[in-house]
Amino acid sequence: MSGYSLVRQVHDLEKQLHDMGMRWGFSMFGDRSQFGDRVAVYARDDELPIFSRDAELFTGTIDEVSSWLEGVQWAQNYDRMLGVSDTKRRHKREQDVRNDQLIAMLKTPESRPSTGKK
C-alpha cells in the first residue's frame, strides 16, 4: 500500500469512527511485540464513566478495524431496514443507559463526591 493510500484510509476511518461516536488510539492491552501495528477503538463520549470510556471496544490492525467497522455499519443498516432501530432511538437508548449508570453511581455512598463537611 502506498503512503498516500494509507493516509487516506486512516483519514476515512477516523471520520467513520467519529460519526459513529467512537475514536481510536493506542492499544493498552494489545500484543506488545507488535508495537505500533495495533490500534484500539474506544467510545468517544466524554459523559461515560472512566471505566467505560477507557474500555477497548476492538483491538487490531488498521485493516482489521476497517473490517470490524464495516460489520458494525452493516448491522446498524440491517436493524434500520427491519425497523428494529434507528439513529434517534439508538441515541435515546444510549442516553437512558448513561442516566441509569449515573443514578446507580449516586445511590452508592462511596461514589458520592465529598463536600468536606461532617
PDB file of N, CA and C in Angstrom:
ATOM      1  N   MET A   1       0.848  -1.170   0.000  1.00  0.00           N
ATOM      2  CA  MET A   1       0.000   0.000   0.000  1.00  0.00           C
ATOM      3  C   MET A   1       0.890   1.228   0.000  1.00  0.00           C
ATOM      4  N   SER A   2       0.575   2.159  -0.865  1.00  0.00           N
ATOM      5  CA  SER A   2       1.382   3.373  -0.942  1.00  0.00           C
ATOM      6  C   SER A   2       1.100   4.275   0.256  1.00  0.00           C
ATOM      7  N   GLY A   3       1.979   5.223   0.473  1.00  0.00           N
ATOM      8  CA  GLY A   3       1.837   6.126   1.610  1.00  0.00           C
ATOM      9  C   GLY A   3       0.559   6.935   1.549  1.00  0.00           C
ATOM     10  N   TYR A   4       0.217   7.431   0.352  1.00  0.00           N
ATOM     11  CA  TYR A   4      -0.991   8.232   0.219  1.00  0.00           C
ATOM     12  C   TYR A   4      -2.236   7.392   0.502  1.00  0.00           C
ATOM     13  N   SER A   5      -2.251   6.162   0.022  1.00  0.00           N
ATOM     14  CA  SER A   5      -3.407   5.288   0.248  1.00  0.00           C
ATOM     15  C   SER A   5      -3.602   5.024   1.738  1.00  0.00           C
ATOM     16  N   LEU A   6      -2.500   4.817   2.458  1.00  0.00           N
ATOM     17  CA  LEU A   6      -2.589   4.573   3.897  1.00  0.00           C
ATOM     18  C   LEU A   6      -3.106   5.811   4.625  1.00  0.00           C
ATOM     19  N   VAL A   7      -2.607   6.991   4.260  1.00  0.00           N
ATOM     20  CA  VAL A   7      -3.062   8.236   4.880  1.00  0.00           C
ATOM     21  C   VAL A   7      -4.543   8.435   4.598  1.00  0.00           C
ATOM     22  N   ARG A   8      -4.962   8.166   3.383  1.00  0.00           N
ATOM     23  CA  ARG A   8      -6.377   8.305   3.009  1.00  0.00           C
ATOM     24  C   ARG A   8      -7.253   7.328   3.806  1.00  0.00           C
ATOM     25  N   GLN A   9      -6.781   6.073   3.952  1.00  0.00           N
ATOM     26  CA  GLN A   9      -7.519   5.071   4.705  1.00  0.00           C
ATOM     27  C   GLN A   9      -7.648   5.487   6.174  1.00  0.00           C
ATOM     28  N   VAL A  10      -6.566   5.981   6.745  1.00  0.00           N
ATOM     29  CA  VAL A  10      -6.589   6.431   8.146  1.00  0.00           C
ATOM     30  C   VAL A  10      -7.565   7.589   8.305  1.00  0.00           C
ATOM     31  N   HIS A  11      -7.520   8.549   7.396  1.00  0.00           N
ATOM     32  CA  HIS A  11      -8.425   9.706   7.469  1.00  0.00           C
ATOM     33  C   HIS A  11      -9.885   9.258   7.362  1.00  0.00           C
ATOM     34  N   ASP A  12     -10.185   8.375   6.421  1.00  0.00           N
ATOM     35  CA  ASP A  12     -11.556   7.890   6.241  1.00  0.00           C
ATOM     36  C   ASP A  12     -12.045   7.118   7.468  1.00  0.00           C
ATOM     37  N   LEU A  13     -11.175   6.276   8.041  1.00  0.00           N
ATOM     38  CA  LEU A  13     -11.556   5.522   9.235  1.00  0.00           C
ATOM     39  C   LEU A  13     -11.806   6.445  10.424  1.00  0.00           C
ATOM     40  N   GLU A  14     -10.973   7.464  10.593  1.00  0.00           N
ATOM     41  CA  GLU A  14     -11.170   8.413  11.689  1.00  0.00           C
ATOM     42  C   GLU A  14     -12.522   9.109  11.547  1.00  0.00           C
ATOM     43  N   LYS A  15     -12.885   9.493  10.323  1.00  0.00           N
ATOM     44  CA  LYS A  15     -14.165  10.152  10.097  1.00  0.00           C
ATOM     45  C   LYS A  15     -15.322   9.196  10.390  1.00  0.00           C
ATOM     46  N   GLN A  16     -15.235   7.950   9.928  1.00  0.00           N
ATOM     47  CA  GLN A  16     -16.283   6.976  10.191  1.00  0.00           C
ATOM     48  C   GLN A  16     -16.441   6.729  11.693  1.00  0.00           C
ATOM     49  N   LEU A  17     -15.327   6.559  12.380  1.00  0.00           N
ATOM     50  CA  LEU A  17     -15.375   6.330  13.819  1.00  0.00           C
ATOM     51  C   LEU A  17     -16.003   7.527  14.536  1.00  0.00           C
ATOM     52  N   HIS A  18     -15.605   8.735  14.150  1.00  0.00           N
ATOM     53  CA  HIS A  18     -16.141   9.945  14.769  1.00  0.00           C
ATOM     54  C   HIS A  18     -17.644  10.030  14.551  1.00  0.00           C
ATOM     55  N   ASP A  19     -18.100   9.754  13.341  1.00  0.00           N
ATOM     56  CA  ASP A  19     -19.534   9.811  13.038  1.00  0.00           C
ATOM     57  C   ASP A  19     -20.325   8.784  13.836  1.00  0.00           C
ATOM     58  N   MET A  20     -19.688   7.686  14.224  1.00  0.00           N
ATOM     59  CA  MET A  20     -20.369   6.630  14.974  1.00  0.00           C
ATOM     60  C   MET A  20     -20.166   6.772  16.484  1.00  0.00           C
ATOM     61  N   GLY A  21     -19.533   7.863  16.921  1.00  0.00           N
ATOM     62  CA  GLY A  21     -19.356   8.093  18.352  1.00  0.00           C
ATOM     63  C   GLY A  21     -18.173   7.347  18.943  1.00  0.00           C
ATOM     64  N   MET A  22     -17.177   7.060  18.112  1.00  0.00           N
ATOM     65  CA  MET A  22     -16.001   6.332  18.575  1.00  0.00           C
ATOM     66  C   MET A  22     -14.736   7.089  18.176  1.00  0.00           C
ATOM     67  N   ARG A  23     -13.660   6.661  18.761  1.00  0.00           N
ATOM     68  CA  ARG A  23     -12.339   7.201  18.419  1.00  0.00           C
ATOM     69  C   ARG A  23     -11.367   6.045  18.468  1.00  0.00           C
ATOM     70  N   TRP A  24     -10.173   6.255  17.974  1.00  0.00           N
ATOM     71  CA  TRP A  24      -9.181   5.201  18.124  1.00  0.00           C
ATOM     72  C   TRP A  24      -7.920   5.760  18.733  1.00  0.00           C
ATOM     73  N   GLY A  25      -7.115   4.881  19.262  1.00  0.00           N
ATOM     74  CA  GLY A  25      -5.882   5.281  19.915  1.00  0.00           C
ATOM     75  C   GLY A  25      -4.987   4.071  20.117  1.00  0.00           C
ATOM     76  N   PHE A  26      -3.982   4.257  20.934  1.00  0.00           N
ATOM     77  CA  PHE A  26      -3.024   3.203  21.230  1.00  0.00           C
ATOM     78  C   PHE A  26      -3.696   2.085  22.010  1.00  0.00           C
ATOM     79  N   SER A  27      -3.404   0.861  21.657  1.00  0.00           N
ATOM     80  CA  SER A  27      -3.967  -0.287  22.366  1.00  0.00           C
ATOM     81  C   SER A  27      -3.159  -0.544  23.633  1.00  0.00           C
ATOM     82  N   MET A  28      -3.827  -0.440  24.779  1.00  0.00           N
ATOM     83  CA  MET A  28      -3.151  -0.662  26.052  1.00  0.00           C
ATOM     84  C   MET A  28      -2.961  -2.139  26.350  1.00  0.00           C
ATOM     85  N   PHE A  29      -3.803  -2.983  25.751  1.00  0.00           N
ATOM     86  CA  PHE A  29      -3.774  -4.398  26.080  1.00  0.00           C
ATOM     87  C   PHE A  29      -3.351  -5.272  24.909  1.00  0.00           C
ATOM     88  N   GLY A  30      -2.969  -4.676  23.807  1.00  0.00           N
ATOM     89  CA  GLY A  30      -2.582  -5.440  22.625  1.00  0.00           C
ATOM     90  C   GLY A  30      -1.241  -6.129  22.804  1.00  0.00           C
ATOM     91  N   ASP A  31      -0.882  -6.906  21.834  1.00  0.00           N
ATOM     92  CA  ASP A  31       0.377  -7.640  21.838  1.00  0.00           C
ATOM     93  C   ASP A  31       1.539  -6.652  21.762  1.00  0.00           C
ATOM     94  N   ARG A  32       2.364  -6.626  22.792  1.00  0.00           N
ATOM     95  CA  ARG A  32       3.475  -5.659  22.851  1.00  0.00           C
ATOM     96  C   ARG A  32       4.559  -5.941  21.809  1.00  0.00           C
ATOM     97  N   SER A  33       4.623  -7.164  21.286  1.00  0.00           N
ATOM     98  CA  SER A  33       5.652  -7.469  20.286  1.00  0.00           C
ATOM     99  C   SER A  33       5.328  -6.812  18.952  1.00  0.00           C
ATOM    100  N   GLN A  34       4.082  -6.387  18.756  1.00  0.00           N
ATOM    101  CA  GLN A  34       3.686  -5.733  17.522  1.00  0.00           C
ATOM    102  C   GLN A  34       3.457  -4.239  17.771  1.00  0.00           C
ATOM    103  N   PHE A  35       4.298  -3.635  18.552  1.00  0.00           N
ATOM    104  CA  PHE A  35       4.146  -2.236  18.915  1.00  0.00           C
ATOM    105  C   PHE A  35       4.011  -1.375  17.665  1.00  0.00           C
ATOM    106  N   GLY A  36       3.005  -0.558  17.650  1.00  0.00           N
ATOM    107  CA  GLY A  36       2.792   0.354  16.543  1.00  0.00           C
ATOM    108  C   GLY A  36       1.873  -0.209  15.473  1.00  0.00           C
ATOM    109  N   ASP A  37       1.699  -1.522  15.414  1.00  0.00           N
ATOM    110  CA  ASP A  37       0.861  -2.124  14.383  1.00  0.00           C
ATOM    111  C   ASP A  37      -0.584  -2.248  14.812  1.00  0.00           C
ATOM    112  N   ARG A  38      -0.852  -2.176  16.087  1.00  0.00           N
ATOM    113  CA  ARG A  38      -2.199  -2.401  16.595  1.00  0.00           C
ATOM    114  C   ARG A  38      -2.770  -1.107  17.174  1.00  0.00           C
ATOM    115  N   VAL A  39      -4.047  -0.902  16.902  1.00  0.00           N
ATOM    116  CA  VAL A  39      -4.767   0.240  17.452  1.00  0.00           C
ATOM    117  C   VAL A  39      -6.005  -0.286  18.160  1.00  0.00           C
ATOM    118  N   ALA A  40      -6.600   0.555  18.971  1.00  0.00           N
ATOM    119  CA  ALA A  40      -7.814   0.179  19.688  1.00  0.00           C
ATOM    120  C   ALA A  40      -8.901   1.197  19.393  1.00  0.00           C
ATOM    121  N   VAL A  41     -10.136   0.740  19.422  1.00  0.00           N
ATOM    122  CA  VAL A  41     -11.296   1.603  19.228  1.00  0.00           C
ATOM    123  C   VAL A  41     -11.942   1.811  20.596  1.00  0.00           C
ATOM    124  N   TYR A  42     -12.232   3.070  20.920  1.00  0.00           N
ATOM    125  CA  TYR A  42     -12.822   3.447  22.198  1.00  0.00           C
ATOM    126  C   TYR A  42     -14.105   4.232  21.948  1.00  0.00           C
ATOM    127  N   ALA A  43     -14.968   4.292  22.955  1.00  0.00           N
ATOM    128  CA  ALA A  43     -16.135   5.174  22.890  1.00  0.00           C
ATOM    129  C   ALA A  43     -15.640   6.611  23.007  1.00  0.00           C
ATOM    130  N   ARG A  44     -16.190   7.510  22.237  1.00  0.00           N
ATOM    131  CA  ARG A  44     -15.753   8.901  22.218  1.00  0.00           C
ATOM    132  C   ARG A  44     -16.491   9.746  23.246  1.00  0.00           C
ATOM    133  N   ASP A  45     -17.608   9.255  23.735  1.00  0.00           N
ATOM    134  CA  ASP A  45     -18.471  10.039  24.596  1.00  0.00           C
ATOM    135  C   ASP A  45     -17.792  10.364  25.924  1.00  0.00           C
ATOM    136  N   ASP A  46     -17.579  11.641  26.194  1.00  0.00           N
ATOM    137  CA  ASP A  46     -16.935  12.059  27.441  1.00  0.00           C
ATOM    138  C   ASP A  46     -17.861  11.977  28.643  1.00  0.00           C
ATOM    139  N   GLU A  47     -19.145  11.706  28.413  1.00  0.00           N
ATOM    140  CA  GLU A  47     -20.086  11.602  29.522  1.00  0.00           C
ATOM    141  C   GLU A  47     -20.046  10.235  30.188  1.00  0.00           C
ATOM    142  N   LEU A  48     -19.374   9.285  29.566  1.00  0.00           N
ATOM    143  CA  LEU A  48     -19.296   7.949  30.142  1.00  0.00           C
ATOM    144  C   LEU A  48     -18.334   7.936  31.321  1.00  0.00           C
ATOM    145  N   PRO A  49     -18.570   7.067  32.288  1.00  0.00           N
ATOM    146  CA  PRO A  49     -17.599   6.929  33.374  1.00  0.00           C
ATOM    147  C   PRO A  49     -16.258   6.453  32.824  1.00  0.00           C
ATOM    148  N   ILE A  50     -15.188   6.766  33.523  1.00  0.00           N
ATOM    149  CA  ILE A  50     -13.838   6.437  33.051  1.00  0.00           C
ATOM    150  C   ILE A  50     -13.701   4.964  32.718  1.00  0.00           C
ATOM    151  N   PHE A  51     -14.229   4.070  33.573  1.00  0.00           N
ATOM    152  CA  PHE A  51     -14.044   2.648  33.322  1.00  0.00           C
ATOM    153  C   PHE A  51     -14.744   2.214  32.036  1.00  0.00           C
ATOM    154  N   SER A  52     -15.819   2.893  31.648  1.00  0.00           N
ATOM    155  CA  SER A  52     -16.487   2.577  30.387  1.00  0.00           C
ATOM    156  C   SER A  52     -15.806   3.265  29.222  1.00  0.00           C
ATOM    157  N   ARG A  53     -15.411   4.505  29.430  1.00  0.00           N
ATOM    158  CA  ARG A  53     -14.824   5.302  28.355  1.00  0.00           C
ATOM    159  C   ARG A  53     -13.473   4.753  27.930  1.00  0.00           C
ATOM    160  N   ASP A  54     -12.702   4.211  28.870  1.00  0.00           N
ATOM    161  CA  ASP A  54     -11.371   3.722  28.552  1.00  0.00           C
ATOM    162  C   ASP A  54     -11.349   2.257  28.134  1.00  0.00           C
ATOM    163  N   ALA A  55     -12.510   1.617  28.089  1.00  0.00           N
ATOM    164  CA  ALA A  55     -12.577   0.218  27.669  1.00  0.00           C
ATOM    165  C   ALA A  55     -12.369   0.134  26.157  1.00  0.00           C
ATOM    166  N   GLU A  56     -11.553  -0.811  25.741  1.00  0.00           N
ATOM    167  CA  GLU A  56     -11.311  -1.005  24.310  1.00  0.00           C
ATOM    168  C   GLU A  56     -12.474  -1.800  23.723  1.00  0.00           C
ATOM    169  N   LEU A  57     -13.136  -1.233  22.733  1.00  0.00           N
ATOM    170  CA  LEU A  57     -14.230  -1.922  22.070  1.00  0.00           C
ATOM    171  C   LEU A  57     -13.713  -2.947  21.072  1.00  0.00           C
ATOM    172  N   PHE A  58     -12.565  -2.641  20.469  1.00  0.00           N
ATOM    173  CA  PHE A  58     -11.958  -3.526  19.480  1.00  0.00           C
ATOM    174  C   PHE A  58     -10.479  -3.206  19.409  1.00  0.00           C
ATOM    175  N   THR A  59      -9.673  -4.229  19.173  1.00  0.00           N
ATOM    176  CA  THR A  59      -8.234  -4.047  19.014  1.00  0.00           C
ATOM    177  C   THR A  59      -7.782  -4.807  17.785  1.00  0.00           C
ATOM    178  N   GLY A  60      -6.967  -4.183  16.965  1.00  0.00           N
ATOM    179  CA  GLY A  60      -6.454  -4.859  15.780  1.00  0.00           C
ATOM    180  C   GLY A  60      -5.640  -3.923  14.916  1.00  0.00           C
ATOM    181  N   THR A  61      -5.290  -4.414  13.747  1.00  0.00           N
ATOM    182  CA  THR A  61      -4.561  -3.592  12.775  1.00  0.00           C
ATOM    183  C   THR A  61      -5.552  -2.640  12.113  1.00  0.00           C
ATOM    184  N   ILE A  62      -5.043  -1.731  11.317  1.00  0.00           N
ATOM    185  CA  ILE A  62      -5.914  -0.783  10.628  1.00  0.00           C
ATOM    186  C   ILE A  62      -6.885  -1.521   9.712  1.00  0.00           C
ATOM    187  N   ASP A  63      -6.414  -2.545   9.015  1.00  0.00           N
ATOM    188  CA  ASP A  63      -7.294  -3.317   8.134  1.00  0.00           C
ATOM    189  C   ASP A  63      -8.358  -4.064   8.926  1.00  0.00           C
ATOM    190  N   GLU A  64      -7.998  -4.609  10.087  1.00  0.00           N
ATOM    191  CA  GLU A  64      -8.972  -5.306  10.926  1.00  0.00           C
ATOM    192  C   GLU A  64     -10.016  -4.340  11.479  1.00  0.00           C
ATOM    193  N   VAL A  65      -9.589  -3.137  11.858  1.00  0.00           N
ATOM    194  CA  VAL A  65     -10.524  -2.122  12.335  1.00  0.00           C
ATOM    195  C   VAL A  65     -11.486  -1.748  11.212  1.00  0.00           C
ATOM    196  N   SER A  66     -10.976  -1.621  10.008  1.00  0.00           N
ATOM    197  CA  SER A  66     -11.813  -1.294   8.860  1.00  0.00           C
ATOM    198  C   SER A  66     -12.870  -2.372   8.625  1.00  0.00           C
ATOM    199  N   SER A  67     -12.471  -3.636   8.686  1.00  0.00           N
ATOM    200  CA  SER A  67     -13.420  -4.745   8.509  1.00  0.00           C
ATOM    201  C   SER A  67     -14.448  -4.772   9.626  1.00  0.00           C
ATOM    202  N   TRP A  68     -13.998  -4.569  10.866  1.00  0.00           N
ATOM    203  CA  TRP A  68     -14.909  -4.568  12.013  1.00  0.00           C
ATOM    204  C   TRP A  68     -15.931  -3.439  11.877  1.00  0.00           C
ATOM    205  N   LEU A  69     -15.461  -2.274  11.462  1.00  0.00           N
ATOM    206  CA  LEU A  69     -16.344  -1.124  11.320  1.00  0.00           C
ATOM    207  C   LEU A  69     -17.382  -1.364  10.222  1.00  0.00           C
ATOM    208  N   GLU A  70     -16.992  -2.016   9.144  1.00  0.00           N
ATOM    209  CA  GLU A  70     -17.953  -2.356   8.098  1.00  0.00           C
ATOM    210  C   GLU A  70     -19.036  -3.277   8.646  1.00  0.00           C
ATOM    211  N   GLY A  71     -18.660  -4.218   9.511  1.00  0.00           N
ATOM    212  CA  GLY A  71     -19.632  -5.112  10.127  1.00  0.00           C
ATOM    213  C   GLY A  71     -20.596  -4.372  11.035  1.00  0.00           C
ATOM    214  N   VAL A  72     -20.080  -3.435  11.812  1.00  0.00           N
ATOM    215  CA  VAL A  72     -20.933  -2.641  12.702  1.00  0.00           C
ATOM    216  C   VAL A  72     -21.927  -1.821  11.874  1.00  0.00           C
ATOM    217  N   GLN A  73     -21.433  -1.200  10.802  1.00  0.00           N
ATOM    218  CA  GLN A  73     -22.318  -0.405   9.957  1.00  0.00           C
ATOM    219  C   GLN A  73     -23.359  -1.280   9.268  1.00  0.00           C
ATOM    220  N   TRP A  74     -22.964  -2.467   8.835  1.00  0.00           N
ATOM    221  CA  TRP A  74     -23.900  -3.388   8.202  1.00  0.00           C
ATOM    222  C   TRP A  74     -25.008  -3.757   9.191  1.00  0.00           C
ATOM    223  N   ALA A  75     -24.634  -4.064  10.432  1.00  0.00           N
ATOM    224  CA  ALA A  75     -25.623  -4.452  11.443  1.00  0.00           C
ATOM    225  C   ALA A  75     -26.587  -3.294  11.726  1.00  0.00           C
ATOM    226  N   GLN A  76     -26.072  -2.076  11.811  1.00  0.00           N
ATOM    227  CA  GLN A  76     -26.940  -0.925  12.052  1.00  0.00           C
ATOM    228  C   GLN A  76     -27.892  -0.707  10.877  1.00  0.00           C
ATOM    229  N   ASN A  77     -27.376  -0.840   9.665  1.00  0.00           N
ATOM    230  CA  ASN A  77     -28.224  -0.667   8.478  1.00  0.00           C
ATOM    231  C   ASN A  77     -29.288  -1.768   8.402  1.00  0.00           C
ATOM    232  N   TYR A  78     -28.928  -2.978   8.784  1.00  0.00           N
ATOM    233  CA  TYR A  78     -29.869  -4.096   8.775  1.00  0.00           C
ATOM    234  C   TYR A  78     -30.986  -3.852   9.786  1.00  0.00           C
ATOM    235  N   ASP A  79     -30.620  -3.413  10.997  1.00  0.00           N
ATOM    236  CA  ASP A  79     -31.627  -3.085  12.013  1.00  0.00           C
ATOM    237  C   ASP A  79     -32.548  -1.972  11.520  1.00  0.00           C
ATOM    238  N   ARG A  80     -31.962  -0.970  10.876  1.00  0.00           N
ATOM    239  CA  ARG A  80     -32.746   0.152  10.356  1.00  0.00           C
ATOM    240  C   ARG A  80     -33.700  -0.331   9.260  1.00  0.00           C
ATOM    241  N   MET A  81     -33.227  -1.239   8.397  1.00  0.00           N
ATOM    242  CA  MET A  81     -34.053  -1.766   7.319  1.00  0.00           C
ATOM    243  C   MET A  81     -35.250  -2.541   7.871  1.00  0.00           C
ATOM    244  N   LEU A  82     -35.019  -3.298   8.940  1.00  0.00           N
ATOM    245  CA  LEU A  82     -36.096  -4.076   9.540  1.00  0.00           C
ATOM    246  C   LEU A  82     -37.021  -3.228  10.411  1.00  0.00           C
ATOM    247  N   GLY A  83     -36.630  -2.000  10.684  1.00  0.00           N
ATOM    248  CA  GLY A  83     -37.428  -1.129  11.532  1.00  0.00           C
ATOM    249  C   GLY A  83     -37.221  -1.395  13.015  1.00  0.00           C
ATOM    250  N   VAL A  84     -36.202  -2.180  13.347  1.00  0.00           N
ATOM    251  CA  VAL A  84     -35.915  -2.505  14.742  1.00  0.00           C
ATOM    252  C   VAL A  84     -35.309  -1.306  15.457  1.00  0.00           C
ATOM    253  N   SER A  85     -34.521  -0.529  14.736  1.00  0.00           N
ATOM    254  CA  SER A  85     -33.806   0.574  15.358  1.00  0.00           C
ATOM    255  C   SER A  85     -33.599   1.687  14.338  1.00  0.00           C
ATOM    256  N   ASP A  86     -33.414   2.880  14.846  1.00  0.00           N
ATOM    257  CA  ASP A  86     -32.987   3.997  14.016  1.00  0.00           C
ATOM    258  C   ASP A  86     -32.073   4.871  14.871  1.00  0.00           C
ATOM    259  N   THR A  87     -31.488   5.866  14.253  1.00  0.00           N
ATOM    260  CA  THR A  87     -30.497   6.691  14.947  1.00  0.00           C
ATOM    261  C   THR A  87     -31.095   7.384  16.161  1.00  0.00           C
ATOM    262  N   LYS A  88     -32.304   7.893  16.030  1.00  0.00           N
ATOM    263  CA  LYS A  88     -32.940   8.611  17.141  1.00  0.00           C
ATOM    264  C   LYS A  88     -33.196   7.673  18.319  1.00  0.00           C
ATOM    265  N   ARG A  89     -33.715   6.481  18.033  1.00  0.00           N
ATOM    266  CA  ARG A  89     -33.983   5.510  19.098  1.00  0.00           C
ATOM    267  C   ARG A  89     -32.683   5.036  19.740  1.00  0.00           C
ATOM    268  N   ARG A  90     -31.639   4.846  18.932  1.00  0.00           N
ATOM    269  CA  ARG A  90     -30.352   4.392  19.461  1.00  0.00           C
ATOM    270  C   ARG A  90     -29.764   5.444  20.401  1.00  0.00           C
ATOM    271  N   HIS A  91     -29.816   6.724  19.997  1.00  0.00           N
ATOM    272  CA  HIS A  91     -29.294   7.792  20.861  1.00  0.00           C
ATOM    273  C   HIS A  91     -30.095   7.888  22.157  1.00  0.00           C
ATOM    274  N   LYS A  92     -31.418   7.727  22.069  1.00  0.00           N
ATOM    275  CA  LYS A  92     -32.246   7.780  23.274  1.00  0.00           C
ATOM    276  C   LYS A  92     -31.894   6.631  24.211  1.00  0.00           C
ATOM    277  N   ARG A  93     -31.714   5.436  23.660  1.00  0.00           N
ATOM    278  CA  ARG A  93     -31.375   4.274  24.494  1.00  0.00           C
ATOM    279  C   ARG A  93     -29.992   4.445  25.123  1.00  0.00           C
ATOM    280  N   GLU A  94     -29.035   4.977  24.366  1.00  0.00           N
ATOM    281  CA  GLU A  94     -27.706   5.218  24.930  1.00  0.00           C
ATOM    282  C   GLU A  94     -27.781   6.225  26.074  1.00  0.00           C
ATOM    283  N   GLN A  95     -28.603   7.274  25.906  1.00  0.00           N
ATOM    284  CA  GLN A  95     -28.760   8.254  26.981  1.00  0.00           C
ATOM    285  C   GLN A  95     -29.439   7.624  28.192  1.00  0.00           C
ATOM    286  N   ASP A  96     -30.415   6.735  27.962  1.00  0.00           N
ATOM    287  CA  ASP A  96     -31.065   6.034  29.067  1.00  0.00           C
ATOM    288  C   ASP A  96     -30.062   5.207  29.866  1.00  0.00           C
ATOM    289  N   VAL A  97     -29.150   4.544  29.172  1.00  0.00           N
ATOM    290  CA  VAL A  97     -28.128   3.737  29.853  1.00  0.00           C
ATOM    291  C   VAL A  97     -27.201   4.642  30.656  1.00  0.00           C
ATOM    292  N   ARG A  98     -26.795   5.777  30.086  1.00  0.00           N
ATOM    293  CA  ARG A  98     -25.943   6.719  30.831  1.00  0.00           C
ATOM    294  C   ARG A  98     -26.668   7.230  32.073  1.00  0.00           C
ATOM    295  N   ASN A  99     -27.965   7.529  31.941  1.00  0.00           N
ATOM    296  CA  ASN A  99     -28.748   8.000  33.083  1.00  0.00           C
ATOM    297  C   ASN A  99     -28.831   6.924  34.162  1.00  0.00           C
ATOM    298  N   ASP A 100     -29.078   5.682  33.756  1.00  0.00           N
ATOM    299  CA  ASP A 100     -29.135   4.577  34.727  1.00  0.00           C
ATOM    300  C   ASP A 100     -27.806   4.410  35.456  1.00  0.00           C
ATOM    301  N   GLN A 101     -26.696   4.537  34.722  1.00  0.00           N
ATOM    302  CA  GLN A 101     -25.374   4.416  35.348  1.00  0.00           C
ATOM    303  C   GLN A 101     -25.146   5.541  36.348  1.00  0.00           C
ATOM    304  N   LEU A 102     -25.575   6.750  36.007  1.00  0.00           N
ATOM    305  CA  LEU A 102     -25.415   7.889  36.909  1.00  0.00           C
ATOM    306  C   LEU A 102     -26.244   7.708  38.175  1.00  0.00           C
ATOM    307  N   ILE A 103     -27.472   7.262  38.017  1.00  0.00           N
ATOM    308  CA  ILE A 103     -28.335   7.036  39.185  1.00  0.00           C
ATOM    309  C   ILE A 103     -27.759   5.952  40.083  1.00  0.00           C
ATOM    310  N   ALA A 104     -27.277   4.866  39.495  1.00  0.00           N
ATOM    311  CA  ALA A 104     -26.666   3.790  40.283  1.00  0.00           C
ATOM    312  C   ALA A 104     -25.432   4.296  41.012  1.00  0.00           C
ATOM    313  N   MET A 105     -24.644   5.136  40.358  1.00  0.00           N
ATOM    314  CA  MET A 105     -23.436   5.663  40.975  1.00  0.00           C
ATOM    315  C   MET A 105     -23.801   6.594  42.145  1.00  0.00           C
ATOM    316  N   LEU A 106     -24.853   7.385  41.996  1.00  0.00           N
ATOM    317  CA  LEU A 106     -25.254   8.303  43.064  1.00  0.00           C
ATOM    318  C   LEU A 106     -25.878   7.576  44.249  1.00  0.00           C
ATOM    319  N   LYS A 107     -26.411   6.390  44.035  1.00  0.00           N
ATOM    320  CA  LYS A 107     -27.020   5.618  45.125  1.00  0.00           C
ATOM    321  C   LYS A 107     -25.984   4.983  46.041  1.00  0.00           C
ATOM    322  N   THR A 108     -24.782   4.748  45.551  1.00  0.00           N
ATOM    323  CA  THR A 108     -23.748   4.126  46.387  1.00  0.00           C
ATOM    324  C   THR A 108     -23.019   5.226  47.140  1.00  0.00           C
ATOM    325  N   PRO A 109     -22.943   5.127  48.467  1.00  0.00           N
ATOM    326  CA  PRO A 109     -22.343   6.206  49.280  1.00  0.00           C
ATOM    327  C   PRO A 109     -20.876   6.461  48.956  1.00  0.00           C
ATOM    328  N   GLU A 110     -20.104   5.426  48.652  1.00  0.00           N
ATOM    329  CA  GLU A 110     -18.685   5.629  48.426  1.00  0.00           C
ATOM    330  C   GLU A 110     -18.392   6.349  47.108  1.00  0.00           C
ATOM    331  N   SER A 111     -19.370   6.418  46.216  1.00  0.00           N
ATOM    332  CA  SER A 111     -19.127   7.096  44.933  1.00  0.00           C
ATOM    333  C   SER A 111     -19.585   8.547  44.950  1.00  0.00           C
ATOM    334  N   ARG A 112     -20.255   8.973  46.018  1.00  0.00           N
ATOM    335  CA  ARG A 112     -20.709  10.360  46.085  1.00  0.00           C
ATOM    336  C   ARG A 112     -19.533  11.278  46.324  1.00  0.00           C
ATOM    337  N   PRO A 113     -19.555  12.461  45.697  1.00  0.00           N
ATOM    338  CA  PRO A 113     -18.459  13.412  45.936  1.00  0.00           C
ATOM    339  C   PRO A 113     -18.482  13.928  47.370  1.00  0.00           C
ATOM    340  N   SER A 114     -17.319  14.132  47.917  1.00  0.00           N
ATOM    341  CA  SER A 114     -17.201  14.612  49.281  1.00  0.00           C
ATOM    342  C   SER A 114     -17.438  16.118  49.323  1.00  0.00           C
ATOM    343  N   THR A 115     -18.217  16.568  50.310  1.00  0.00           N
ATOM    344  CA  THR A 115     -18.484  18.003  50.452  1.00  0.00           C
ATOM    345  C   THR A 115     -17.526  18.650  51.431  1.00  0.00           C
ATOM    346  N   GLY A 116     -16.787  17.837  52.142  1.00  0.00           N
ATOM    347  CA  GLY A 116     -15.837  18.366  53.112  1.00  0.00           C
ATOM    348  C   GLY A 116     -16.469  18.627  54.471  1.00  0.00           C
ATOM    349  N   LYS A 117     -17.793  18.476  54.596  1.00  0.00           N
ATOM    350  CA  LYS A 117     -18.493  18.694  55.860  1.00  0.00           C
ATOM    351  C   LYS A 117     -18.749  17.354  56.527  1.00  0.00           C
ATOM    352  N   LYS A 118     -18.799  17.369  57.835  1.00  0.00           N
ATOM    353  CA  LYS A 118     -19.080  16.154  58.601  1.00  0.00           C
ATOM    354  C   LYS A 118     -20.323  16.317  59.407  1.00  0.00           C
TER     355      LYS A 118
END
